[in-house]
């Protein structure tokens, strides 16, 4: 059990990451790759990843050091997941490369206390050269090979969760936000009790807490091991299996075209979408998204309404029926991906 202790100041400083964090997703995905966990959620991705690794020698070599540093269970070095800033993968890798040597030594020593590590892992904390460059390169190769093709789908799942948390906060304040984490966590003021593999207490001491929704996090939340780092709680989002990322309905694609069917699938999700959110999720430019939504609206498949400065789009009943008949799942506009 992980017990997170809040002060009144911490309750005023709870935040939710608005986008998936590339390095947290990468670390969690390595854990999922190494196990049979979550066969429905991750089975298709795991089979596709192993097929890619068997054919891509560069990606296979990149995974080897990651398996050493990211065990399927137990301690994972905190330096692999630097503070979440909402940036992209290059920004995260740049932060990782600038990890202080004292922290590297501390994290790697703790890892070595938990399991045997090869000599090259211990050399990461030694003076001289740029010891993290090759590791950062391996992380980048792995991400581009095994996660990037699915990133629009992952981003959509996280966006759906952020919408849900935002509504909880607007409707019921901080208490509703924390209560909404059930069954993953239980809010017993002033302590948030989280299912965890070890007994641990984390005192926020006025630093607040960043909630990080994650696609590849599975079954229970996770947190940084070092209590002195900025507190984060990474938790799994509800998700549709990654089969959807490559399984758009052929009939619907022939009728609407690949991009337009993906746009319709995106606006047919649980929550209304802005044009910018549709463009980001599907992986197209804002002008293209606006045009495609206009065509779908003219065809009676999409309805749009203004909400303040934004225009929100939802699928009409006809659009929903078309999605269901075409084999697409609502809110998974990843059909444009490779």
C-alpha atoms as a PDB file:
ATOM      1  CA  UNK A   1       0.000   0.000   0.000  1.00  0.00           C
ATOM      2  CA  UNK A   2       1.244   3.484  -0.920  1.00  0.00           C
ATOM      3  CA  UNK A   3      -0.106   6.196   1.378  1.00  0.00           C
ATOM      4  CA  UNK A   4       0.184   9.728  -0.013  1.00  0.00           C
ATOM      5  CA  UNK A   5      -0.166  12.330   2.740  1.00  0.00           C
ATOM      6  CA  UNK A   6      -1.618  15.724   1.769  1.00  0.00           C
ATOM      7  CA  UNK A   7      -1.485  19.082   3.507  1.00  0.00           C
ATOM      8  CA  UNK A   8      -4.007  21.839   2.773  1.00  0.00           C
ATOM      9  CA  UNK A   9      -1.440  23.410   0.430  1.00  0.00           C
ATOM     10  CA  UNK A  10      -1.021  20.116  -1.460  1.00  0.00           C
ATOM     11  CA  UNK A  11      -4.774  19.969  -2.049  1.00  0.00           C
ATOM     12  CA  UNK A  12      -4.502  23.335  -3.790  1.00  0.00           C
ATOM     13  CA  UNK A  13      -1.673  22.085  -5.979  1.00  0.00           C
ATOM     14  CA  UNK A  14      -2.992  18.927  -7.637  1.00  0.00           C
ATOM     15  CA  UNK A  15      -2.424  18.850 -11.394  1.00  0.00           C
ATOM     16  CA  UNK A  16      -3.199  16.437 -14.216  1.00  0.00           C
ATOM     17  CA  UNK A  17      -0.799  15.962 -17.138  1.00  0.00           C
ATOM     18  CA  UNK A  18      -2.735  16.802 -20.292  1.00  0.00           C
ATOM     19  CA  UNK A  19      -0.792  14.521 -22.661  1.00  0.00           C
ATOM     20  CA  UNK A  20       0.876  11.111 -22.420  1.00  0.00           C
ATOM     21  CA  UNK A  21       4.464  11.374 -21.265  1.00  0.00           C
ATOM     22  CA  UNK A  22       6.718   9.628 -23.831  1.00  0.00           C
ATOM     23  CA  UNK A  23       9.256   8.272 -21.346  1.00  0.00           C
ATOM     24  CA  UNK A  24       6.694   7.022 -18.841  1.00  0.00           C
ATOM     25  CA  UNK A  25       4.851   5.280 -21.688  1.00  0.00           C
ATOM     26  CA  UNK A  26       8.138   3.838 -22.931  1.00  0.00           C
ATOM     27  CA  UNK A  27       9.154   2.479 -19.518  1.00  0.00           C
ATOM     28  CA  UNK A  28       5.721   0.988 -18.871  1.00  0.00           C
ATOM     29  CA  UNK A  29       5.597  -0.519 -22.368  1.00  0.00           C
ATOM     30  CA  UNK A  30       8.904  -2.355 -21.824  1.00  0.00           C
ATOM     31  CA  UNK A  31       7.348  -3.926 -18.716  1.00  0.00           C
ATOM     32  CA  UNK A  32       4.285  -4.970 -20.743  1.00  0.00           C
ATOM     33  CA  UNK A  33       6.479  -6.361 -23.516  1.00  0.00           C
ATOM     34  CA  UNK A  34       8.392  -8.590 -21.114  1.00  0.00           C
ATOM     35  CA  UNK A  35       5.298 -10.172 -19.571  1.00  0.00           C
ATOM     36  CA  UNK A  36       1.960 -11.593 -20.627  1.00  0.00           C
ATOM     37  CA  UNK A  37       0.091  -8.983 -18.597  1.00  0.00           C
ATOM     38  CA  UNK A  38      -3.058  -7.470 -20.038  1.00  0.00           C
ATOM     39  CA  UNK A  39      -3.650  -9.859 -22.967  1.00  0.00           C
ATOM     40  CA  UNK A  40      -6.752  -7.981 -24.113  1.00  0.00           C
ATOM     41  CA  UNK A  41      -5.274  -4.502 -23.771  1.00  0.00           C
ATOM     42  CA  UNK A  42      -1.756  -5.235 -25.011  1.00  0.00           C
ATOM     43  CA  UNK A  43      -1.775  -8.634 -26.716  1.00  0.00           C
ATOM     44  CA  UNK A  44      -1.985  -7.320 -30.286  1.00  0.00           C
ATOM     45  CA  UNK A  45       0.674  -4.677 -29.636  1.00  0.00           C
ATOM     46  CA  UNK A  46       2.959  -7.228 -28.003  1.00  0.00           C
ATOM     47  CA  UNK A  47       2.670  -9.614 -30.968  1.00  0.00           C
ATOM     48  CA  UNK A  48       3.283  -6.783 -33.437  1.00  0.00           C
ATOM     49  CA  UNK A  49       6.235  -5.531 -31.387  1.00  0.00           C
ATOM     50  CA  UNK A  50       7.877  -8.950 -31.221  1.00  0.00           C
ATOM     51  CA  UNK A  51       7.379  -9.395 -34.950  1.00  0.00           C
ATOM     52  CA  UNK A  52       9.014  -6.014 -35.566  1.00  0.00           C
ATOM     53  CA  UNK A  53      11.899  -6.850 -33.251  1.00  0.00           C
ATOM     54  CA  UNK A  54      12.514 -10.163 -35.039  1.00  0.00           C
ATOM     55  CA  UNK A  55      12.876  -8.323 -38.362  1.00  0.00           C
ATOM     56  CA  UNK A  56      14.526  -5.073 -37.216  1.00  0.00           C
ATOM     57  CA  UNK A  57      18.009  -5.772 -35.880  1.00  0.00           C
ATOM     58  CA  UNK A  58      18.546  -2.121 -34.862  1.00  0.00           C
ATOM     59  CA  UNK A  59      15.385  -2.053 -32.753  1.00  0.00           C
ATOM     60  CA  UNK A  60      16.320  -5.432 -31.254  1.00  0.00           C
ATOM     61  CA  UNK A  61      19.728  -4.114 -30.192  1.00  0.00           C
ATOM     62  CA  UNK A  62      18.114  -0.987 -28.737  1.00  0.00           C
ATOM     63  CA  UNK A  63      15.874  -3.104 -26.502  1.00  0.00           C
ATOM     64  CA  UNK A  64      18.754  -4.997 -24.851  1.00  0.00           C
ATOM     65  CA  UNK A  65      19.985  -2.212 -22.537  1.00  0.00           C
ATOM     66  CA  UNK A  66      16.393  -1.267 -21.745  1.00  0.00           C
ATOM     67  CA  UNK A  67      15.677  -4.791 -20.503  1.00  0.00           C
ATOM     68  CA  UNK A  68      18.587  -4.413 -18.106  1.00  0.00           C
ATOM     69  CA  UNK A  69      17.418  -1.098 -16.673  1.00  0.00           C
ATOM     70  CA  UNK A  70      13.651  -1.742 -16.773  1.00  0.00           C
ATOM     71  CA  UNK A  71      12.763  -5.019 -15.041  1.00  0.00           C
ATOM     72  CA  UNK A  72       9.209  -6.320 -15.377  1.00  0.00           C
ATOM     73  CA  UNK A  73       8.850  -6.051 -11.590  1.00  0.00           C
ATOM     74  CA  UNK A  74      10.766  -4.248  -8.880  1.00  0.00           C
ATOM     75  CA  UNK A  75      12.841  -1.102  -8.815  1.00  0.00           C
ATOM     76  CA  UNK A  76      13.204   0.980 -12.002  1.00  0.00           C
ATOM     77  CA  UNK A  77      15.720   3.863 -11.913  1.00  0.00           C
ATOM     78  CA  UNK A  78      13.992   7.223 -11.525  1.00  0.00           C
ATOM     79  CA  UNK A  79      16.329   8.994 -13.944  1.00  0.00           C
ATOM     80  CA  UNK A  80      14.626   7.186 -16.841  1.00  0.00           C
ATOM     81  CA  UNK A  81      11.487   9.268 -16.230  1.00  0.00           C
ATOM     82  CA  UNK A  82      12.573  12.888 -15.671  1.00  0.00           C
ATOM     83  CA  UNK A  83       9.995  15.475 -14.555  1.00  0.00           C
ATOM     84  CA  UNK A  84       6.899  15.556 -16.762  1.00  0.00           C
ATOM     85  CA  UNK A  85       6.828  18.844 -18.658  1.00  0.00           C
ATOM     86  CA  UNK A  86       4.296  18.126 -21.384  1.00  0.00           C
ATOM     87  CA  UNK A  87       7.069  18.067 -23.962  1.00  0.00           C
ATOM     88  CA  UNK A  88       7.762  15.569 -26.713  1.00  0.00           C
ATOM     89  CA  UNK A  89      10.267  12.717 -26.771  1.00  0.00           C
ATOM     90  CA  UNK A  90      13.307  14.827 -27.770  1.00  0.00           C
ATOM     91  CA  UNK A  91      12.671  17.140 -24.811  1.00  0.00           C
ATOM     92  CA  UNK A  92      12.462  14.175 -22.443  1.00  0.00           C
ATOM     93  CA  UNK A  93      15.639  12.593 -23.820  1.00  0.00           C
ATOM     94  CA  UNK A  94      17.453  15.910 -23.485  1.00  0.00           C
ATOM     95  CA  UNK A  95      16.463  16.021 -19.819  1.00  0.00           C
ATOM     96  CA  UNK A  96      17.637  12.445 -19.366  1.00  0.00           C
ATOM     97  CA  UNK A  97      21.034  13.211 -20.927  1.00  0.00           C
ATOM     98  CA  UNK A  98      21.470  16.035 -18.409  1.00  0.00           C
ATOM     99  CA  UNK A  99      20.889  13.794 -15.369  1.00  0.00           C
ATOM    100  CA  UNK A 100      23.379  14.764 -12.608  1.00  0.00           C
ATOM    101  CA  UNK A 101      26.057  12.140 -12.095  1.00  0.00           C
ATOM    102  CA  UNK A 102      25.318  11.923  -8.363  1.00  0.00           C
ATOM    103  CA  UNK A 103      21.757  10.897  -9.139  1.00  0.00           C
ATOM    104  CA  UNK A 104      22.902   8.387 -11.741  1.00  0.00           C
ATOM    105  CA  UNK A 105      25.212   6.733  -9.230  1.00  0.00           C
ATOM    106  CA  UNK A 106      22.487   6.659  -6.581  1.00  0.00           C
ATOM    107  CA  UNK A 107      19.882   5.134  -8.906  1.00  0.00           C
ATOM    108  CA  UNK A 108      22.216   2.570 -10.430  1.00  0.00           C
ATOM    109  CA  UNK A 109      23.524   1.530  -7.013  1.00  0.00           C
ATOM    110  CA  UNK A 110      19.974   0.916  -5.888  1.00  0.00           C
ATOM    111  CA  UNK A 111      19.286  -1.109  -9.039  1.00  0.00           C
ATOM    112  CA  UNK A 112      22.440  -3.184  -8.459  1.00  0.00           C
ATOM    113  CA  UNK A 113      21.315  -3.877  -4.892  1.00  0.00           C
ATOM    114  CA  UNK A 114      18.073  -5.318  -6.283  1.00  0.00           C
ATOM    115  CA  UNK A 115      19.412  -7.391  -9.192  1.00  0.00           C
ATOM    116  CA  UNK A 116      22.660  -8.146 -11.064  1.00  0.00           C
ATOM    117  CA  UNK A 117      23.605  -5.511 -13.632  1.00  0.00           C
ATOM    118  CA  UNK A 118      26.251  -5.749 -16.365  1.00  0.00           C
ATOM    119  CA  UNK A 119      29.421  -3.671 -16.259  1.00  0.00           C
ATOM    120  CA  UNK A 120      28.226  -1.250 -18.935  1.00  0.00           C
ATOM    121  CA  UNK A 121      25.286  -0.218 -16.711  1.00  0.00           C
ATOM    122  CA  UNK A 122      27.621   0.654 -13.853  1.00  0.00           C
ATOM    123  CA  UNK A 123      29.778   2.712 -16.215  1.00  0.00           C
ATOM    124  CA  UNK A 124      26.878   5.127 -16.841  1.00  0.00           C
ATOM    125  CA  UNK A 125      27.706   6.931 -13.613  1.00  0.00           C
ATOM    126  CA  UNK A 126      31.446   7.184 -14.156  1.00  0.00           C
ATOM    127  CA  UNK A 127      33.161  10.451 -15.163  1.00  0.00           C
ATOM    128  CA  UNK A 128      34.214  11.071 -18.738  1.00  0.00           C
ATOM    129  CA  UNK A 129      32.465  11.422 -22.068  1.00  0.00           C
ATOM    130  CA  UNK A 130      28.712  11.420 -22.516  1.00  0.00           C
ATOM    131  CA  UNK A 131      27.652   8.163 -20.841  1.00  0.00           C
ATOM    132  CA  UNK A 132      23.943   8.649 -21.453  1.00  0.00           C
ATOM    133  CA  UNK A 133      24.127   9.369 -25.176  1.00  0.00           C
ATOM    134  CA  UNK A 134      23.961   5.738 -26.267  1.00  0.00           C
ATOM    135  CA  UNK A 135      21.142   5.018 -23.794  1.00  0.00           C
ATOM    136  CA  UNK A 136      19.152   8.003 -25.061  1.00  0.00           C
ATOM    137  CA  UNK A 137      19.693   6.792 -28.624  1.00  0.00           C
ATOM    138  CA  UNK A 138      18.389   3.339 -27.673  1.00  0.00           C
ATOM    139  CA  UNK A 139      15.306   4.872 -26.059  1.00  0.00           C
ATOM    140  CA  UNK A 140      14.644   6.916 -29.189  1.00  0.00           C
ATOM    141  CA  UNK A 141      15.003   3.909 -31.520  1.00  0.00           C
ATOM    142  CA  UNK A 142      12.661   1.816 -29.365  1.00  0.00           C
ATOM    143  CA  UNK A 143      10.043   4.578 -29.223  1.00  0.00           C
ATOM    144  CA  UNK A 144      10.052   5.202 -32.970  1.00  0.00           C
ATOM    145  CA  UNK A 145       9.832   1.499 -33.798  1.00  0.00           C
ATOM    146  CA  UNK A 146       7.287   0.268 -31.261  1.00  0.00           C
ATOM    147  CA  UNK A 147       5.327   3.249 -29.891  1.00  0.00           C
ATOM    148  CA  UNK A 148       5.261   6.003 -32.493  1.00  0.00           C
ATOM    149  CA  UNK A 149       2.963   4.105 -34.914  1.00  0.00           C
ATOM    150  CA  UNK A 150       0.360   3.917 -32.143  1.00  0.00           C
ATOM    151  CA  UNK A 151       0.908   7.348 -30.612  1.00  0.00           C
ATOM    152  CA  UNK A 152      -2.318   8.968 -31.928  1.00  0.00           C
ATOM    153  CA  UNK A 153      -4.318   6.127 -30.367  1.00  0.00           C
ATOM    154  CA  UNK A 154      -2.428   6.447 -27.064  1.00  0.00           C
ATOM    155  CA  UNK A 155      -2.921  10.204 -27.071  1.00  0.00           C
ATOM    156  CA  UNK A 156      -6.665   9.794 -27.611  1.00  0.00           C
ATOM    157  CA  UNK A 157      -7.015   7.382 -24.676  1.00  0.00           C
ATOM    158  CA  UNK A 158      -5.190   9.824 -22.399  1.00  0.00           C
ATOM    159  CA  UNK A 159      -7.247  12.769 -23.687  1.00  0.00           C
ATOM    160  CA  UNK A 160     -10.449  10.887 -22.838  1.00  0.00           C
ATOM    161  CA  UNK A 161      -9.201  10.371 -19.288  1.00  0.00           C
ATOM    162  CA  UNK A 162      -8.161  14.023 -18.930  1.00  0.00           C
ATOM    163  CA  UNK A 163     -11.682  15.033 -20.011  1.00  0.00           C
ATOM    164  CA  UNK A 164     -13.110  12.782 -17.314  1.00  0.00           C
ATOM    165  CA  UNK A 165     -10.817  14.180 -14.579  1.00  0.00           C
ATOM    166  CA  UNK A 166     -11.556  17.737 -15.682  1.00  0.00           C
ATOM    167  CA  UNK A 167     -15.285  17.146 -15.406  1.00  0.00           C
ATOM    168  CA  UNK A 168     -14.851  15.628 -11.942  1.00  0.00           C
ATOM    169  CA  UNK A 169     -12.891  18.677 -10.824  1.00  0.00           C
ATOM    170  CA  UNK A 170     -15.366  21.158 -12.306  1.00  0.00           C
ATOM    171  CA  UNK A 171     -18.388  19.363 -10.873  1.00  0.00           C
ATOM    172  CA  UNK A 172     -17.085  18.451  -7.436  1.00  0.00           C
ATOM    173  CA  UNK A 173     -13.692  20.035  -6.822  1.00  0.00           C
ATOM    174  CA  UNK A 174     -10.554  18.353  -5.532  1.00  0.00           C
ATOM    175  CA  UNK A 175     -12.476  15.784  -3.497  1.00  0.00           C
ATOM    176  CA  UNK A 176     -14.362  14.557  -6.564  1.00  0.00           C
ATOM    177  CA  UNK A 177     -11.101  14.407  -8.520  1.00  0.00           C
ATOM    178  CA  UNK A 178      -9.455  12.180  -5.918  1.00  0.00           C
ATOM    179  CA  UNK A 179     -12.598  10.108  -5.316  1.00  0.00           C
ATOM    180  CA  UNK A 180     -12.734   9.549  -9.073  1.00  0.00           C
ATOM    181  CA  UNK A 181      -9.504   7.548  -8.932  1.00  0.00           C
ATOM    182  CA  UNK A 182     -11.373   4.567  -7.458  1.00  0.00           C
ATOM    183  CA  UNK A 183     -10.796   1.625  -7.605  1.00  0.00           C
ATOM    184  CA  UNK A 184      -7.122   2.403  -8.217  1.00  0.00           C
ATOM    185  CA  UNK A 185      -6.926   4.578  -5.100  1.00  0.00           C
ATOM    186  CA  UNK A 186      -9.099   5.530  -2.117  1.00  0.00           C
ATOM    187  CA  UNK A 187      -9.326   9.053  -0.777  1.00  0.00           C
ATOM    188  CA  UNK A 188      -9.405   9.027   3.036  1.00  0.00           C
ATOM    189  CA  UNK A 189      -8.654  12.655   3.916  1.00  0.00           C
ATOM    190  CA  UNK A 190      -5.900  13.675   4.236  1.00  0.00           C
ATOM    191  CA  UNK A 191      -4.413  10.450   2.799  1.00  0.00           C
ATOM    192  CA  UNK A 192      -4.734   8.912  -0.657  1.00  0.00           C
ATOM    193  CA  UNK A 193      -4.328   5.135  -0.353  1.00  0.00           C
ATOM    194  CA  UNK A 194      -2.996   3.500  -3.502  1.00  0.00           C
ATOM    195  CA  UNK A 195      -2.715  -0.201  -4.290  1.00  0.00           C
ATOM    196  CA  UNK A 196       1.037  -0.847  -4.349  1.00  0.00           C
ATOM    197  CA  UNK A 197       3.396  -3.839  -4.176  1.00  0.00           C
ATOM    198  CA  UNK A 198       5.217  -2.534  -1.066  1.00  0.00           C
ATOM    199  CA  UNK A 199       4.314  -0.633   2.089  1.00  0.00           C
ATOM    200  CA  UNK A 200       5.288   2.982   1.678  1.00  0.00           C
ATOM    201  CA  UNK A 201       4.382   6.489   2.876  1.00  0.00           C
ATOM    202  CA  UNK A 202       4.892   9.571   0.711  1.00  0.00           C
ATOM    203  CA  UNK A 203       4.593  12.953   2.428  1.00  0.00           C
ATOM    204  CA  UNK A 204       3.964  15.693  -0.130  1.00  0.00           C
ATOM    205  CA  UNK A 205       4.924  18.469   2.298  1.00  0.00           C
ATOM    206  CA  UNK A 206       3.471  21.268   0.205  1.00  0.00           C
ATOM    207  CA  UNK A 207       4.921  20.153  -3.117  1.00  0.00           C
ATOM    208  CA  UNK A 208       1.560  19.086  -4.523  1.00  0.00           C
ATOM    209  CA  UNK A 209       0.965  16.054  -6.729  1.00  0.00           C
ATOM    210  CA  UNK A 210       1.011  15.580 -10.487  1.00  0.00           C
ATOM    211  CA  UNK A 211      -1.371  12.904 -11.782  1.00  0.00           C
ATOM    212  CA  UNK A 212      -0.055  11.321 -14.987  1.00  0.00           C
ATOM    213  CA  UNK A 213      -2.570   9.278 -17.005  1.00  0.00           C
ATOM    214  CA  UNK A 214      -0.848   6.480 -18.908  1.00  0.00           C
ATOM    215  CA  UNK A 215      -1.859   3.987 -21.590  1.00  0.00           C
ATOM    216  CA  UNK A 216       0.792   1.340 -20.846  1.00  0.00           C
ATOM    217  CA  UNK A 217       0.544   1.572 -17.064  1.00  0.00           C
ATOM    218  CA  UNK A 218      -1.416  -1.519 -16.070  1.00  0.00           C
ATOM    219  CA  UNK A 219      -3.646  -2.604 -13.191  1.00  0.00           C
ATOM    220  CA  UNK A 220      -2.304  -0.248 -10.509  1.00  0.00           C
ATOM    221  CA  UNK A 221      -0.591   3.166 -10.284  1.00  0.00           C
ATOM    222  CA  UNK A 222       3.135   3.697  -9.915  1.00  0.00           C
ATOM    223  CA  UNK A 223       5.312   6.470  -8.542  1.00  0.00           C
ATOM    224  CA  UNK A 224       8.930   7.562  -8.384  1.00  0.00           C
ATOM    225  CA  UNK A 225      10.980   5.655  -5.833  1.00  0.00           C
ATOM    226  CA  UNK A 226      12.885   8.696  -4.509  1.00  0.00           C
ATOM    227  CA  UNK A 227      10.608  10.667  -2.137  1.00  0.00           C
ATOM    228  CA  UNK A 228      12.784  13.733  -2.646  1.00  0.00           C
ATOM    229  CA  UNK A 229      11.795  14.130  -6.306  1.00  0.00           C
ATOM    230  CA  UNK A 230       8.743  16.074  -7.463  1.00  0.00           C
ATOM    231  CA  UNK A 231       5.814  13.777  -6.558  1.00  0.00           C
ATOM    232  CA  UNK A 232       3.958  12.110  -9.423  1.00  0.00           C
ATOM    233  CA  UNK A 233       1.365   9.354  -9.530  1.00  0.00           C
ATOM    234  CA  UNK A 234       1.164   7.519 -12.851  1.00  0.00           C
ATOM    235  CA  UNK A 235      -2.095   5.626 -13.269  1.00  0.00           C
ATOM    236  CA  UNK A 236      -3.660   3.461 -16.019  1.00  0.00           C
ATOM    237  CA  UNK A 237      -6.390   4.931 -18.214  1.00  0.00           C
ATOM    238  CA  UNK A 238      -9.350   3.060 -19.614  1.00  0.00           C
ATOM    239  CA  UNK A 239      -8.454   1.965 -23.080  1.00  0.00           C
ATOM    240  CA  UNK A 240      -9.506   0.165 -26.206  1.00  0.00           C
ATOM    241  CA  UNK A 241      -7.016  -2.483 -27.399  1.00  0.00           C
ATOM    242  CA  UNK A 242      -4.348  -1.269 -29.791  1.00  0.00           C
ATOM    243  CA  UNK A 243      -5.782  -3.516 -32.494  1.00  0.00           C
ATOM    244  CA  UNK A 244      -7.940  -0.519 -33.374  1.00  0.00           C
ATOM    245  CA  UNK A 245      -4.910   1.451 -34.428  1.00  0.00           C
ATOM    246  CA  UNK A 246      -4.562  -0.820 -37.438  1.00  0.00           C
ATOM    247  CA  UNK A 247      -8.082  -2.201 -37.820  1.00  0.00           C
ATOM    248  CA  UNK A 248     -10.263   0.442 -39.454  1.00  0.00           C
ATOM    249  CA  UNK A 249     -13.278  -0.920 -41.277  1.00  0.00           C
ATOM    250  CA  UNK A 250     -12.526  -1.471 -44.945  1.00  0.00           C
ATOM    251  CA  UNK A 251     -16.098  -0.714 -45.995  1.00  0.00           C
ATOM    252  CA  UNK A 252     -16.176   2.630 -44.215  1.00  0.00           C
ATOM    253  CA  UNK A 253     -12.772   3.563 -45.611  1.00  0.00           C
ATOM    254  CA  UNK A 254     -13.952   2.822 -49.134  1.00  0.00           C
ATOM    255  CA  UNK A 255     -17.029   4.961 -48.550  1.00  0.00           C
ATOM    256  CA  UNK A 256     -15.431   7.967 -46.814  1.00  0.00           C
ATOM    257  CA  UNK A 257     -11.716   7.582 -47.407  1.00  0.00           C
ATOM    258  CA  UNK A 258      -9.114   6.708 -44.790  1.00  0.00           C
ATOM    259  CA  UNK A 259      -8.643  10.196 -43.321  1.00  0.00           C
ATOM    260  CA  UNK A 260     -12.333  11.081 -43.179  1.00  0.00           C
ATOM    261  CA  UNK A 261     -13.277   7.766 -41.549  1.00  0.00           C
ATOM    262  CA  UNK A 262     -10.573   8.365 -38.913  1.00  0.00           C
ATOM    263  CA  UNK A 263     -11.937  11.865 -38.236  1.00  0.00           C
ATOM    264  CA  UNK A 264     -15.461  10.492 -37.847  1.00  0.00           C
ATOM    265  CA  UNK A 265     -14.224   7.784 -35.455  1.00  0.00           C
ATOM    266  CA  UNK A 266     -12.495  10.442 -33.370  1.00  0.00           C
ATOM    267  CA  UNK A 267     -15.504  12.751 -32.996  1.00  0.00           C
ATOM    268  CA  UNK A 268     -17.694   9.730 -32.202  1.00  0.00           C
ATOM    269  CA  UNK A 269     -15.888   9.236 -28.892  1.00  0.00           C
ATOM    270  CA  UNK A 270     -17.353   9.626 -25.441  1.00  0.00           C
ATOM    271  CA  UNK A 271     -16.615  13.353 -25.252  1.00  0.00           C
ATOM    272  CA  UNK A 272     -16.982  16.245 -27.676  1.00  0.00           C
ATOM    273  CA  UNK A 273     -13.801  17.187 -29.525  1.00  0.00           C
ATOM    274  CA  UNK A 274     -12.377  20.495 -30.681  1.00  0.00           C
ATOM    275  CA  UNK A 275     -10.920  20.762 -34.169  1.00  0.00           C
ATOM    276  CA  UNK A 276      -7.418  20.957 -32.696  1.00  0.00           C
ATOM    277  CA  UNK A 277      -7.936  17.797 -30.656  1.00  0.00           C
ATOM    278  CA  UNK A 278      -9.217  15.931 -33.710  1.00  0.00           C
ATOM    279  CA  UNK A 279      -6.236  17.074 -35.773  1.00  0.00           C
ATOM    280  CA  UNK A 280      -3.756  15.989 -33.069  1.00  0.00           C
ATOM    281  CA  UNK A 281      -5.391  12.604 -32.486  1.00  0.00           C
ATOM    282  CA  UNK A 282      -5.690  11.705 -36.168  1.00  0.00           C
ATOM    283  CA  UNK A 283      -2.285  13.130 -37.070  1.00  0.00           C
ATOM    284  CA  UNK A 284      -3.325  15.693 -39.707  1.00  0.00           C
ATOM    285  CA  UNK A 285      -3.043  19.462 -40.011  1.00  0.00           C
ATOM    286  CA  UNK A 286      -5.608  21.821 -38.523  1.00  0.00           C
ATOM    287  CA  UNK A 287      -6.883  23.069 -41.930  1.00  0.00           C
ATOM    288  CA  UNK A 288      -7.338  19.488 -43.119  1.00  0.00           C
ATOM    289  CA  UNK A 289      -9.220  18.539 -39.945  1.00  0.00           C
ATOM    290  CA  UNK A 290     -11.484  21.567 -40.306  1.00  0.00           C
ATOM    291  CA  UNK A 291     -12.226  20.678 -43.933  1.00  0.00           C
ATOM    292  CA  UNK A 292     -12.939  17.008 -43.199  1.00  0.00           C
ATOM    293  CA  UNK A 293     -15.241  17.902 -40.295  1.00  0.00           C
ATOM    294  CA  UNK A 294     -17.097  20.336 -42.577  1.00  0.00           C
ATOM    295  CA  UNK A 295     -17.669  17.639 -45.178  1.00  0.00           C
ATOM    296  CA  UNK A 296     -18.921  15.211 -42.520  1.00  0.00           C
ATOM    297  CA  UNK A 297     -21.179  17.897 -41.076  1.00  0.00           C
ATOM    298  CA  UNK A 298     -22.657  18.655 -44.499  1.00  0.00           C
ATOM    299  CA  UNK A 299     -23.364  14.933 -44.857  1.00  0.00           C
ATOM    300  CA  UNK A 300     -25.265  14.812 -41.572  1.00  0.00           C
ATOM    301  CA  UNK A 301     -22.657  12.697 -39.796  1.00  0.00           C
ATOM    302  CA  UNK A 302     -21.217  15.343 -37.449  1.00  0.00           C
ATOM    303  CA  UNK A 303     -22.828  18.084 -35.360  1.00  0.00           C
ATOM    304  CA  UNK A 304     -20.893  21.150 -34.193  1.00  0.00           C
ATOM    305  CA  UNK A 305     -21.646  23.717 -31.498  1.00  0.00           C
ATOM    306  CA  UNK A 306     -19.788  26.714 -30.129  1.00  0.00           C
ATOM    307  CA  UNK A 307     -18.655  26.597 -26.490  1.00  0.00           C
ATOM    308  CA  UNK A 308     -16.975  29.867 -25.590  1.00  0.00           C
ATOM    309  CA  UNK A 309     -13.988  30.316 -27.881  1.00  0.00           C
ATOM    310  CA  UNK A 310     -14.059  26.674 -29.017  1.00  0.00           C
ATOM    311  CA  UNK A 311     -16.226  24.724 -31.428  1.00  0.00           C
ATOM    312  CA  UNK A 312     -17.042  21.227 -30.199  1.00  0.00           C
ATOM    313  CA  UNK A 313     -17.830  18.355 -32.559  1.00  0.00           C
ATOM    314  CA  UNK A 314     -19.790  15.150 -31.931  1.00  0.00           C
ATOM    315  CA  UNK A 315     -21.107  12.414 -34.185  1.00  0.00           C
ATOM    316  CA  UNK A 316     -24.808  12.433 -34.988  1.00  0.00           C
ATOM    317  CA  UNK A 317     -26.877   9.255 -34.463  1.00  0.00           C
ATOM    318  CA  UNK A 318     -26.394   8.546 -38.185  1.00  0.00           C
ATOM    319  CA  UNK A 319     -22.634   8.964 -37.770  1.00  0.00           C
ATOM    320  CA  UNK A 320     -22.608   6.650 -34.756  1.00  0.00           C
ATOM    321  CA  UNK A 321     -24.493   3.968 -36.672  1.00  0.00           C
ATOM    322  CA  UNK A 322     -22.096   4.296 -39.589  1.00  0.00           C
ATOM    323  CA  UNK A 323     -19.112   3.860 -37.259  1.00  0.00           C
ATOM    324  CA  UNK A 324     -20.655   0.782 -35.655  1.00  0.00           C
ATOM    325  CA  UNK A 325     -21.479  -0.771 -39.010  1.00  0.00           C
ATOM    326  CA  UNK A 326     -18.026   0.002 -40.401  1.00  0.00           C
ATOM    327  CA  UNK A 327     -16.157  -1.866 -37.664  1.00  0.00           C
ATOM    328  CA  UNK A 328     -14.508   1.194 -36.103  1.00  0.00           C
ATOM    329  CA  UNK A 329     -14.638   2.001 -32.410  1.00  0.00           C
ATOM    330  CA  UNK A 330     -15.617   5.521 -31.348  1.00  0.00           C
ATOM    331  CA  UNK A 331     -12.841   7.772 -30.128  1.00  0.00           C
ATOM    332  CA  UNK A 332     -10.040   5.910 -31.909  1.00  0.00           C
ATOM    333  CA  UNK A 333      -9.186   8.123 -34.817  1.00  0.00           C
ATOM    334  CA  UNK A 334      -5.822   6.478 -35.325  1.00  0.00           C
ATOM    335  CA  UNK A 335      -6.737   5.000 -38.668  1.00  0.00           C
ATOM    336  CA  UNK A 336      -4.436   7.389 -40.508  1.00  0.00           C
ATOM    337  CA  UNK A 337      -1.401   5.931 -38.714  1.00  0.00           C
ATOM    338  CA  UNK A 338       0.918   3.519 -40.527  1.00  0.00           C
END
